[in-house]
Protein backbone atom coordinates (compact mmCIF):
# COMPACT_ATOMS: atom_id res chain seq x y z
CA UNK A 1 2.27 -2.12 -3.96
CA UNK A 2 -1.05 -3.48 -2.28
CA UNK A 3 -0.88 -7.09 -2.03
CA UNK A 4 -4.59 -8.91 -2.72
CA UNK A 5 -4.85 -12.82 -1.59
CA UNK A 6 -7.35 -15.24 -1.60
CA UNK A 7 -7.69 -17.66 0.69
CA UNK A 8 -8.23 -21.40 -1.09
CA UNK A 9 -8.26 -24.83 1.13
CA UNK A 10 -4.92 -26.01 0.18
CA UNK A 11 -4.84 -29.35 -1.76
CA UNK A 12 -3.63 -32.51 -0.78
CA UNK A 13 -0.73 -32.38 -2.91
CA UNK A 14 -0.09 -28.95 -2.17
CA UNK A 15 0.11 -30.24 1.97
CA UNK A 16 2.84 -32.79 1.16
CA UNK A 17 5.09 -29.96 -0.46
CA UNK A 18 3.86 -27.92 2.46
CA UNK A 19 5.16 -30.47 4.78
CA UNK A 20 8.23 -31.65 3.63
CA UNK A 21 9.28 -27.73 3.86
CA UNK A 22 7.74 -26.90 6.63
CA UNK A 23 8.99 -29.92 9.18
CA UNK A 24 12.48 -29.52 7.98
CA UNK A 25 11.73 -25.12 8.67
CA UNK A 26 10.25 -26.03 12.17
CA UNK A 27 13.24 -28.64 13.17
CA UNK A 28 15.40 -26.27 12.56
CA UNK A 29 13.62 -23.22 14.48
CA UNK A 30 13.43 -25.65 17.33
CA UNK A 31 17.29 -26.41 17.35
CA UNK A 32 18.37 -22.80 17.38
CA UNK A 33 16.06 -22.04 20.46
CA UNK A 34 17.81 -25.18 22.19
CA UNK A 35 14.45 -26.85 22.54
CA UNK A 36 14.97 -29.89 19.98
CA UNK A 37 18.31 -31.75 19.99
CA UNK A 38 19.90 -31.26 16.39
CA UNK A 39 20.25 -35.35 16.31
CA UNK A 40 16.37 -35.84 17.09
CA UNK A 41 14.96 -32.13 15.11
CA UNK A 42 13.52 -33.81 11.75
CA UNK A 43 12.04 -36.98 14.43
CA UNK A 44 10.58 -34.61 16.65
CA UNK A 45 9.12 -32.19 13.90
CA UNK A 46 7.89 -34.96 12.21
CA UNK A 47 5.84 -36.30 15.69
CA UNK A 48 4.45 -32.80 16.75
CA UNK A 49 2.90 -32.05 13.28
CA UNK A 50 1.45 -35.72 13.18
CA UNK A 51 -0.12 -35.24 16.08
CA UNK A 52 -1.74 -31.60 15.13
CA UNK A 53 -2.37 -32.79 11.71
CA UNK A 54 -3.34 -36.78 11.44
CA UNK A 55 -5.34 -36.21 9.02
CA UNK A 56 -3.65 -33.41 7.00
CA UNK A 57 -5.92 -30.75 5.03
CA UNK A 58 -8.78 -33.37 6.17
CA UNK A 59 -8.00 -33.05 9.86
CA UNK A 60 -11.07 -31.22 11.93
CA UNK A 61 -10.71 -27.97 13.42
CA UNK A 62 -7.30 -27.29 10.94
CA UNK A 63 -7.58 -24.88 8.14
CA UNK A 64 -4.84 -24.98 6.07
CA UNK A 65 -5.03 -22.65 3.05
CA UNK A 66 -3.21 -21.93 -0.23
CA UNK A 67 -2.79 -17.99 -0.54
CA UNK A 68 -3.09 -17.01 -4.41
CA UNK A 69 -2.70 -13.49 -6.02
CA UNK A 70 -5.58 -14.37 -9.06
CA UNK A 71 -3.89 -17.88 -10.02
CA UNK A 72 -0.42 -17.55 -8.70
CA UNK A 73 0.10 -18.89 -5.06
CA UNK A 74 2.40 -16.10 -3.03
CA UNK A 75 2.43 -18.09 0.43
CA UNK A 76 0.26 -20.38 2.92
CA UNK A 77 -1.75 -20.32 5.93
CA UNK A 78 -2.52 -22.66 8.77
CA UNK A 79 -5.46 -21.74 11.23
CA UNK A 80 -6.76 -23.62 14.23
CA UNK A 81 -10.47 -22.66 15.15
CA UNK A 82 -10.88 -22.53 18.41
CA UNK A 83 -11.30 -26.14 20.71
CA UNK A 84 -12.51 -27.39 24.01
CA UNK A 85 -8.96 -26.66 24.91
CA UNK A 86 -8.12 -24.02 23.44
CA UNK A 87 -10.74 -20.40 23.71
CA UNK A 88 -9.41 -18.39 21.05
CA UNK A 89 -8.15 -19.27 17.29
CA UNK A 90 -4.72 -19.72 16.43
CA UNK A 91 -1.84 -19.67 13.85
CA UNK A 92 0.19 -22.73 13.60
CA UNK A 93 1.76 -20.84 10.28
CA UNK A 94 2.60 -18.01 8.15
CA UNK A 95 4.87 -18.77 5.23
CA UNK A 96 5.54 -16.44 2.19
CA UNK A 97 7.24 -17.59 -1.14
CA UNK A 98 10.49 -16.38 -1.38
CA UNK A 99 9.82 -14.70 -4.93
CA UNK A 100 6.88 -12.82 -2.66
CA UNK A 101 8.43 -11.53 -0.01
CA UNK A 102 9.16 -7.86 1.50
CA UNK A 103 5.98 -6.97 -1.06
CA UNK A 104 3.19 -7.00 1.51
CA UNK A 105 1.59 -10.41 1.18
CA UNK A 106 2.31 -11.58 4.54
CA UNK A 107 0.00 -8.46 5.69
CA UNK A 108 -2.09 -9.71 2.56
CA UNK A 109 -2.34 -13.07 4.43
CA UNK A 110 -2.81 -12.40 7.63
CA UNK A 111 -6.21 -9.93 6.62
CA UNK A 112 -7.42 -12.62 4.50
CA UNK A 113 -7.07 -14.90 7.42
CA UNK A 114 -8.24 -12.75 10.58
CA UNK A 115 -11.94 -12.09 8.00
CA UNK A 116 -11.86 -15.91 7.16
CA UNK A 117 -12.10 -16.67 11.07
CA UNK A 118 -14.78 -14.06 11.43
CA UNK A 119 -16.81 -15.25 9.09
CA UNK A 120 -16.82 -18.26 11.06
CA UNK A 121 -17.45 -16.47 14.30
CA UNK A 122 -14.41 -16.24 16.11
CA UNK A 123 -13.96 -13.19 17.98
CA UNK A 124 -9.54 -13.81 19.21
CA UNK A 125 -6.76 -15.25 17.13
CA UNK A 126 -3.53 -15.76 19.00
CA UNK A 127 -0.10 -17.00 17.67
CA UNK A 128 3.59 -17.68 18.85
CA UNK A 129 6.93 -16.22 16.88
CA UNK A 130 10.07 -16.80 18.14
CA UNK A 131 12.60 -14.37 19.66
CA UNK A 132 14.49 -13.74 17.12
CA UNK A 133 12.40 -14.01 14.16
CA UNK A 134 12.66 -9.63 14.06
CA UNK A 135 10.69 -9.72 10.66
CA UNK A 136 7.87 -11.75 11.75
CA UNK A 137 7.34 -9.72 15.32
CA UNK A 138 7.35 -6.56 13.12
CA UNK A 139 4.63 -7.67 10.78
CA UNK A 140 2.44 -9.28 14.01
CA UNK A 141 2.74 -6.09 15.38
CA UNK A 142 1.81 -4.08 13.17
CA UNK A 143 -1.33 -5.74 12.54
CA UNK A 144 -2.47 -5.01 16.54
CA UNK A 145 -0.88 -8.06 17.77
CA UNK A 146 0.52 -7.57 21.68
CA UNK A 147 2.51 -9.65 23.15
CA UNK A 148 0.82 -11.40 26.41
CA UNK A 149 3.27 -13.04 27.64
CA UNK A 150 6.76 -14.18 26.99
CA UNK A 151 9.28 -16.52 27.70
CA UNK A 152 12.84 -16.69 28.60
CA UNK A 153 16.31 -18.62 28.73
CA UNK A 154 19.45 -18.21 29.55
CA UNK A 155 22.82 -20.93 29.35
CA UNK A 156 24.08 -21.23 33.14
CA UNK A 157 27.53 -22.61 34.19
CA UNK A 158 30.64 -23.46 32.22
CA UNK A 159 32.53 -20.81 32.41
């Protein structure tokens, strides 16, 4: 099956649902990566989202989309347009609904986002992916994304 999606602007109600789910998921990823302490992770994640999206779906330079197949929501995509601080567009988040996973929607959503950016005159897009997210890494590599920087860490001391 070849997934076909359309991106439409996320509604404020969809944003509220998205924010609740995404803040918690992001906090858990940051804990797993050793970047947030568990007891403060939700608070830190909320603060980061508030900084990046102070006006929610109306935040200047941010594009928040609901991905639909026909009229059925299958995921979402958060893109940032290039700015004075960032020369390229940025993929902040790709999310595919659990019931739509493993059916090609991630690829279709990313391609639709790339078309959206190209239509706006953007020529380059970047993203970050947690090192243990092998599914996402495989998707991005298959779409032509290449590693340009790599951060590594190691626990020392103790034993």
